């Protein structure tokens, strides 16, 4: 793996969802770095640690959640090393019970598959069915790392670009939560 700047010059072999992410970032003039790892999808902690080392940033946990009735969906972004406690988040959102949403819902609303969930998947949620929830610690970091909707590439850009340019361009305002990872 190596650190590269900006969109790939050759997009052949890349999915349409990944191409859309690069086109979106380019249209906003977002400066970003990336690393490609097609032979090592980021599905294990070892691969994630190697990607983090190349990018110089920790990629966050991106959890796709829903309420019991599966009528409300949430994309939670939190530090990767912080334990996720459902009860803690449920209380802050005022929801009695949260669970992990199904892969079919992930594909329906974000056009991503398990292991590739990313804030950039919100590009595909034009009806704004998914609520974006961000742990405040994520916003304290200078850089933000995520996948371009495929876990065979990873990117980093300024967290300020996420909050001031990317999310507004997609029409999303994050709900900020304070998670400590304990019961």
C-alpha atoms as a PDB file:
ATOM      1  CA  UNK A   1       0.000   0.000   0.000  1.00  0.00           C
ATOM      2  CA  UNK A   2       1.138   3.495  -0.741  1.00  0.00           C
ATOM      3  CA  UNK A   3      -0.208   6.973  -0.120  1.00  0.00           C
ATOM      4  CA  UNK A   4      -1.581   8.613  -3.267  1.00  0.00           C
ATOM      5  CA  UNK A   5      -3.097  12.053  -3.756  1.00  0.00           C
ATOM      6  CA  UNK A   6      -6.579  12.576  -5.148  1.00  0.00           C
ATOM      7  CA  UNK A   7      -8.742  10.536  -7.457  1.00  0.00           C
ATOM      8  CA  UNK A   8      -7.284   7.633  -9.425  1.00  0.00           C
ATOM      9  CA  UNK A   9      -6.371   8.570 -12.999  1.00  0.00           C
ATOM     10  CA  UNK A  10      -7.522   5.139 -14.184  1.00  0.00           C
ATOM     11  CA  UNK A  11     -11.015   4.317 -12.933  1.00  0.00           C
ATOM     12  CA  UNK A  12     -11.325   1.011 -14.765  1.00  0.00           C
ATOM     13  CA  UNK A  13     -12.221  -1.859 -12.472  1.00  0.00           C
ATOM     14  CA  UNK A  14     -13.733   0.451  -9.859  1.00  0.00           C
ATOM     15  CA  UNK A  15     -17.406   0.293  -8.918  1.00  0.00           C
ATOM     16  CA  UNK A  16     -19.856   2.999  -9.882  1.00  0.00           C
ATOM     17  CA  UNK A  17     -20.367   3.862  -6.205  1.00  0.00           C
ATOM     18  CA  UNK A  18     -16.638   4.440  -5.743  1.00  0.00           C
ATOM     19  CA  UNK A  19     -16.453   6.534  -8.921  1.00  0.00           C
ATOM     20  CA  UNK A  20     -19.364   8.668  -7.641  1.00  0.00           C
ATOM     21  CA  UNK A  21     -17.481   9.360  -4.414  1.00  0.00           C
ATOM     22  CA  UNK A  22     -14.385  10.572  -6.248  1.00  0.00           C
ATOM     23  CA  UNK A  23     -16.448  12.672  -8.667  1.00  0.00           C
ATOM     24  CA  UNK A  24     -18.315  14.246  -5.743  1.00  0.00           C
ATOM     25  CA  UNK A  25     -15.132  15.112  -3.835  1.00  0.00           C
ATOM     26  CA  UNK A  26     -13.542  16.491  -7.010  1.00  0.00           C
ATOM     27  CA  UNK A  27     -16.639  18.593  -7.764  1.00  0.00           C
ATOM     28  CA  UNK A  28     -16.261  20.260  -4.353  1.00  0.00           C
ATOM     29  CA  UNK A  29     -12.521  20.754  -4.792  1.00  0.00           C
ATOM     30  CA  UNK A  30     -11.804  18.608  -1.720  1.00  0.00           C
ATOM     31  CA  UNK A  31      -8.129  17.755  -1.345  1.00  0.00           C
ATOM     32  CA  UNK A  32      -7.742  14.138  -0.234  1.00  0.00           C
ATOM     33  CA  UNK A  33      -5.231  11.329  -0.081  1.00  0.00           C
ATOM     34  CA  UNK A  34      -5.981   7.685  -0.657  1.00  0.00           C
ATOM     35  CA  UNK A  35      -4.534   4.241  -0.529  1.00  0.00           C
ATOM     36  CA  UNK A  36      -5.765   1.346  -2.622  1.00  0.00           C
ATOM     37  CA  UNK A  37      -5.732  -2.172  -1.227  1.00  0.00           C
ATOM     38  CA  UNK A  38      -7.757  -4.316  -3.672  1.00  0.00           C
ATOM     39  CA  UNK A  39      -6.055  -7.534  -2.577  1.00  0.00           C
ATOM     40  CA  UNK A  40      -6.732  -6.758   1.072  1.00  0.00           C
ATOM     41  CA  UNK A  41     -10.253  -5.467   1.737  1.00  0.00           C
ATOM     42  CA  UNK A  42     -10.415  -3.734   5.109  1.00  0.00           C
ATOM     43  CA  UNK A  43     -12.261  -6.575   6.832  1.00  0.00           C
ATOM     44  CA  UNK A  44      -9.773  -7.480   9.565  1.00  0.00           C
ATOM     45  CA  UNK A  45      -8.090  -5.427  12.288  1.00  0.00           C
ATOM     46  CA  UNK A  46      -4.683  -6.227  10.734  1.00  0.00           C
ATOM     47  CA  UNK A  47      -5.645  -4.738   7.380  1.00  0.00           C
ATOM     48  CA  UNK A  48      -7.303  -1.742   9.059  1.00  0.00           C
ATOM     49  CA  UNK A  49      -4.155  -1.083  11.088  1.00  0.00           C
ATOM     50  CA  UNK A  50      -2.024  -1.260   7.929  1.00  0.00           C
ATOM     51  CA  UNK A  51      -4.375   1.170   6.159  1.00  0.00           C
ATOM     52  CA  UNK A  52      -4.325   3.505   9.164  1.00  0.00           C
ATOM     53  CA  UNK A  53      -0.505   3.464   9.132  1.00  0.00           C
ATOM     54  CA  UNK A  54      -0.387   4.438   5.449  1.00  0.00           C
ATOM     55  CA  UNK A  55      -3.029   7.164   5.803  1.00  0.00           C
ATOM     56  CA  UNK A  56      -1.700   8.462   9.099  1.00  0.00           C
ATOM     57  CA  UNK A  57      -5.229   8.536  10.494  1.00  0.00           C
ATOM     58  CA  UNK A  58      -7.559   6.030  12.129  1.00  0.00           C
ATOM     59  CA  UNK A  59     -10.584   5.138  10.085  1.00  0.00           C
ATOM     60  CA  UNK A  60     -13.703   5.443  12.224  1.00  0.00           C
ATOM     61  CA  UNK A  61     -16.311   2.851  13.016  1.00  0.00           C
ATOM     62  CA  UNK A  62     -19.291   3.378  10.740  1.00  0.00           C
ATOM     63  CA  UNK A  63     -22.304   1.559  12.136  1.00  0.00           C
ATOM     64  CA  UNK A  64     -25.615   1.315  10.310  1.00  0.00           C
ATOM     65  CA  UNK A  65     -28.378   0.996  12.882  1.00  0.00           C
ATOM     66  CA  UNK A  66     -32.160   0.967  13.040  1.00  0.00           C
ATOM     67  CA  UNK A  67     -34.985   1.092  15.544  1.00  0.00           C
ATOM     68  CA  UNK A  68     -36.977  -2.014  16.485  1.00  0.00           C
ATOM     69  CA  UNK A  69     -39.668  -1.340  13.875  1.00  0.00           C
ATOM     70  CA  UNK A  70     -37.036  -0.807  11.132  1.00  0.00           C
ATOM     71  CA  UNK A  71     -38.628   2.518  10.243  1.00  0.00           C
ATOM     72  CA  UNK A  72     -35.760   4.797  11.322  1.00  0.00           C
ATOM     73  CA  UNK A  73     -32.155   4.333  10.259  1.00  0.00           C
ATOM     74  CA  UNK A  74     -28.980   5.830  11.696  1.00  0.00           C
ATOM     75  CA  UNK A  75     -25.387   6.053  10.524  1.00  0.00           C
ATOM     76  CA  UNK A  76     -23.180   6.296  13.597  1.00  0.00           C
ATOM     77  CA  UNK A  77     -19.593   7.456  13.159  1.00  0.00           C
ATOM     78  CA  UNK A  78     -17.355   6.985  16.167  1.00  0.00           C
ATOM     79  CA  UNK A  79     -13.674   6.380  16.954  1.00  0.00           C
ATOM     80  CA  UNK A  80     -12.625   2.875  15.988  1.00  0.00           C
ATOM     81  CA  UNK A  81     -11.061   2.140  19.372  1.00  0.00           C
ATOM     82  CA  UNK A  82     -14.110   3.162  21.421  1.00  0.00           C
ATOM     83  CA  UNK A  83     -16.493   0.364  22.448  1.00  0.00           C
ATOM     84  CA  UNK A  84     -20.038   0.707  21.137  1.00  0.00           C
ATOM     85  CA  UNK A  85     -22.754   0.415  23.764  1.00  0.00           C
ATOM     86  CA  UNK A  86     -26.234   0.343  22.260  1.00  0.00           C
ATOM     87  CA  UNK A  87     -27.891   1.487  25.488  1.00  0.00           C
ATOM     88  CA  UNK A  88     -25.677   4.564  25.719  1.00  0.00           C
ATOM     89  CA  UNK A  89     -26.569   5.750  22.219  1.00  0.00           C
ATOM     90  CA  UNK A  90     -30.248   4.797  22.513  1.00  0.00           C
ATOM     91  CA  UNK A  91     -30.565   6.988  25.591  1.00  0.00           C
ATOM     92  CA  UNK A  92     -29.018  10.006  23.866  1.00  0.00           C
ATOM     93  CA  UNK A  93     -31.255   9.594  20.818  1.00  0.00           C
ATOM     94  CA  UNK A  94     -34.378   8.973  22.908  1.00  0.00           C
ATOM     95  CA  UNK A  95     -35.005   5.572  21.340  1.00  0.00           C
ATOM     96  CA  UNK A  96     -35.969   2.528  23.364  1.00  0.00           C
ATOM     97  CA  UNK A  97     -33.942   0.038  21.358  1.00  0.00           C
ATOM     98  CA  UNK A  98     -31.376   0.148  18.539  1.00  0.00           C
ATOM     99  CA  UNK A  99     -29.969  -2.761  16.591  1.00  0.00           C
ATOM    100  CA  UNK A 100     -27.789  -3.298  13.570  1.00  0.00           C
ATOM    101  CA  UNK A 101     -29.687  -2.824  10.328  1.00  0.00           C
ATOM    102  CA  UNK A 102     -29.761  -5.535   7.709  1.00  0.00           C
ATOM    103  CA  UNK A 103     -27.488  -5.603   4.678  1.00  0.00           C
ATOM    104  CA  UNK A 104     -30.494  -5.141   2.382  1.00  0.00           C
ATOM    105  CA  UNK A 105     -31.339  -1.835   4.102  1.00  0.00           C
ATOM    106  CA  UNK A 106     -27.705  -0.752   3.896  1.00  0.00           C
ATOM    107  CA  UNK A 107     -27.783  -1.323   0.158  1.00  0.00           C
ATOM    108  CA  UNK A 108     -31.220   0.257  -0.243  1.00  0.00           C
ATOM    109  CA  UNK A 109     -30.444   3.514   1.560  1.00  0.00           C
ATOM    110  CA  UNK A 110     -26.658   3.949   1.248  1.00  0.00           C
ATOM    111  CA  UNK A 111     -25.809   1.745  -1.766  1.00  0.00           C
ATOM    112  CA  UNK A 112     -23.015   0.047   0.187  1.00  0.00           C
ATOM    113  CA  UNK A 113     -22.378  -3.489   1.310  1.00  0.00           C
ATOM    114  CA  UNK A 114     -21.289  -4.668   4.770  1.00  0.00           C
ATOM    115  CA  UNK A 115     -17.709  -3.660   5.505  1.00  0.00           C
ATOM    116  CA  UNK A 116     -17.912  -0.624   3.211  1.00  0.00           C
ATOM    117  CA  UNK A 117     -20.228   1.634   5.197  1.00  0.00           C
ATOM    118  CA  UNK A 118     -19.053   5.224   4.948  1.00  0.00           C
ATOM    119  CA  UNK A 119     -20.293   8.752   5.484  1.00  0.00           C
ATOM    120  CA  UNK A 120     -19.945   9.088   1.706  1.00  0.00           C
ATOM    121  CA  UNK A 121     -22.757   6.551   1.353  1.00  0.00           C
ATOM    122  CA  UNK A 122     -25.085   9.396   2.331  1.00  0.00           C
ATOM    123  CA  UNK A 123     -24.593  10.639  -1.236  1.00  0.00           C
ATOM    124  CA  UNK A 124     -27.010   7.890  -2.208  1.00  0.00           C
ATOM    125  CA  UNK A 125     -29.652   8.779   0.392  1.00  0.00           C
ATOM    126  CA  UNK A 126     -31.377  11.504  -1.577  1.00  0.00           C
ATOM    127  CA  UNK A 127     -34.575  11.174   0.489  1.00  0.00           C
ATOM    128  CA  UNK A 128     -32.625  11.639   3.740  1.00  0.00           C
ATOM    129  CA  UNK A 129     -34.014   8.499   5.338  1.00  0.00           C
ATOM    130  CA  UNK A 130     -30.833   7.991   7.363  1.00  0.00           C
ATOM    131  CA  UNK A 131     -29.953  10.204  10.341  1.00  0.00           C
ATOM    132  CA  UNK A 132     -26.267  10.952  10.695  1.00  0.00           C
ATOM    133  CA  UNK A 133     -24.975  10.626  14.257  1.00  0.00           C
ATOM    134  CA  UNK A 134     -21.354  11.527  15.045  1.00  0.00           C
ATOM    135  CA  UNK A 135     -19.444  11.055  18.267  1.00  0.00           C
ATOM    136  CA  UNK A 136     -17.899  14.374  19.302  1.00  0.00           C
ATOM    137  CA  UNK A 137     -14.413  12.831  19.531  1.00  0.00           C
ATOM    138  CA  UNK A 138     -14.404  12.272  15.760  1.00  0.00           C
ATOM    139  CA  UNK A 139     -14.806  16.003  15.190  1.00  0.00           C
ATOM    140  CA  UNK A 140     -11.786  16.804  17.371  1.00  0.00           C
ATOM    141  CA  UNK A 141      -9.422  15.110  14.922  1.00  0.00           C
ATOM    142  CA  UNK A 142      -7.672  17.180  12.251  1.00  0.00           C
ATOM    143  CA  UNK A 143      -8.116  14.474   9.607  1.00  0.00           C
ATOM    144  CA  UNK A 144     -11.000  12.139   8.825  1.00  0.00           C
ATOM    145  CA  UNK A 145     -10.561   8.704   7.253  1.00  0.00           C
ATOM    146  CA  UNK A 146     -13.187   6.611   5.498  1.00  0.00           C
ATOM    147  CA  UNK A 147     -13.817   4.336   2.543  1.00  0.00           C
ATOM    148  CA  UNK A 148     -15.101   5.675  -0.783  1.00  0.00           C
ATOM    149  CA  UNK A 149     -18.059   3.255  -0.409  1.00  0.00           C
ATOM    150  CA  UNK A 150     -15.750   0.289  -1.151  1.00  0.00           C
ATOM    151  CA  UNK A 151     -13.472  -1.286   1.442  1.00  0.00           C
ATOM    152  CA  UNK A 152     -10.693  -1.893  -1.098  1.00  0.00           C
ATOM    153  CA  UNK A 153      -9.676   1.786  -0.972  1.00  0.00           C
ATOM    154  CA  UNK A 154      -9.436   4.253   1.881  1.00  0.00           C
ATOM    155  CA  UNK A 155      -9.187   8.027   1.890  1.00  0.00           C
ATOM    156  CA  UNK A 156      -8.426  10.897   4.248  1.00  0.00           C
ATOM    157  CA  UNK A 157      -9.337  14.548   4.150  1.00  0.00           C
ATOM    158  CA  UNK A 158      -9.637  17.426   6.596  1.00  0.00           C
ATOM    159  CA  UNK A 159     -12.363  16.953   9.191  1.00  0.00           C
ATOM    160  CA  UNK A 160     -13.219  20.603   8.601  1.00  0.00           C
ATOM    161  CA  UNK A 161     -13.948  19.752   4.952  1.00  0.00           C
ATOM    162  CA  UNK A 162     -16.331  17.053   6.170  1.00  0.00           C
ATOM    163  CA  UNK A 163     -18.295  19.396   8.418  1.00  0.00           C
ATOM    164  CA  UNK A 164     -18.117  22.613   6.395  1.00  0.00           C
ATOM    165  CA  UNK A 165     -18.274  21.385   2.800  1.00  0.00           C
ATOM    166  CA  UNK A 166     -19.076  17.701   2.293  1.00  0.00           C
ATOM    167  CA  UNK A 167     -22.033  17.266   4.659  1.00  0.00           C
ATOM    168  CA  UNK A 168     -23.671  20.575   3.668  1.00  0.00           C
ATOM    169  CA  UNK A 169     -23.311  19.666  -0.024  1.00  0.00           C
ATOM    170  CA  UNK A 170     -25.128  16.393   0.688  1.00  0.00           C
ATOM    171  CA  UNK A 171     -27.756  18.198   2.771  1.00  0.00           C
ATOM    172  CA  UNK A 172     -26.932  16.464   6.073  1.00  0.00           C
ATOM    173  CA  UNK A 173     -26.454  17.977   9.502  1.00  0.00           C
ATOM    174  CA  UNK A 174     -24.909  15.565  11.989  1.00  0.00           C
ATOM    175  CA  UNK A 175     -26.415  14.955  15.386  1.00  0.00           C
ATOM    176  CA  UNK A 176     -23.464  15.128  17.793  1.00  0.00           C
ATOM    177  CA  UNK A 177     -23.373  12.654  20.677  1.00  0.00           C
ATOM    178  CA  UNK A 178     -21.021  12.045  23.587  1.00  0.00           C
ATOM    179  CA  UNK A 179     -20.136   8.363  23.796  1.00  0.00           C
ATOM    180  CA  UNK A 180     -17.833   6.987  26.471  1.00  0.00           C
ATOM    181  CA  UNK A 181     -18.192   3.283  25.708  1.00  0.00           C
ATOM    182  CA  UNK A 182     -19.294   2.172  29.152  1.00  0.00           C
ATOM    183  CA  UNK A 183     -22.585   1.002  30.611  1.00  0.00           C
END
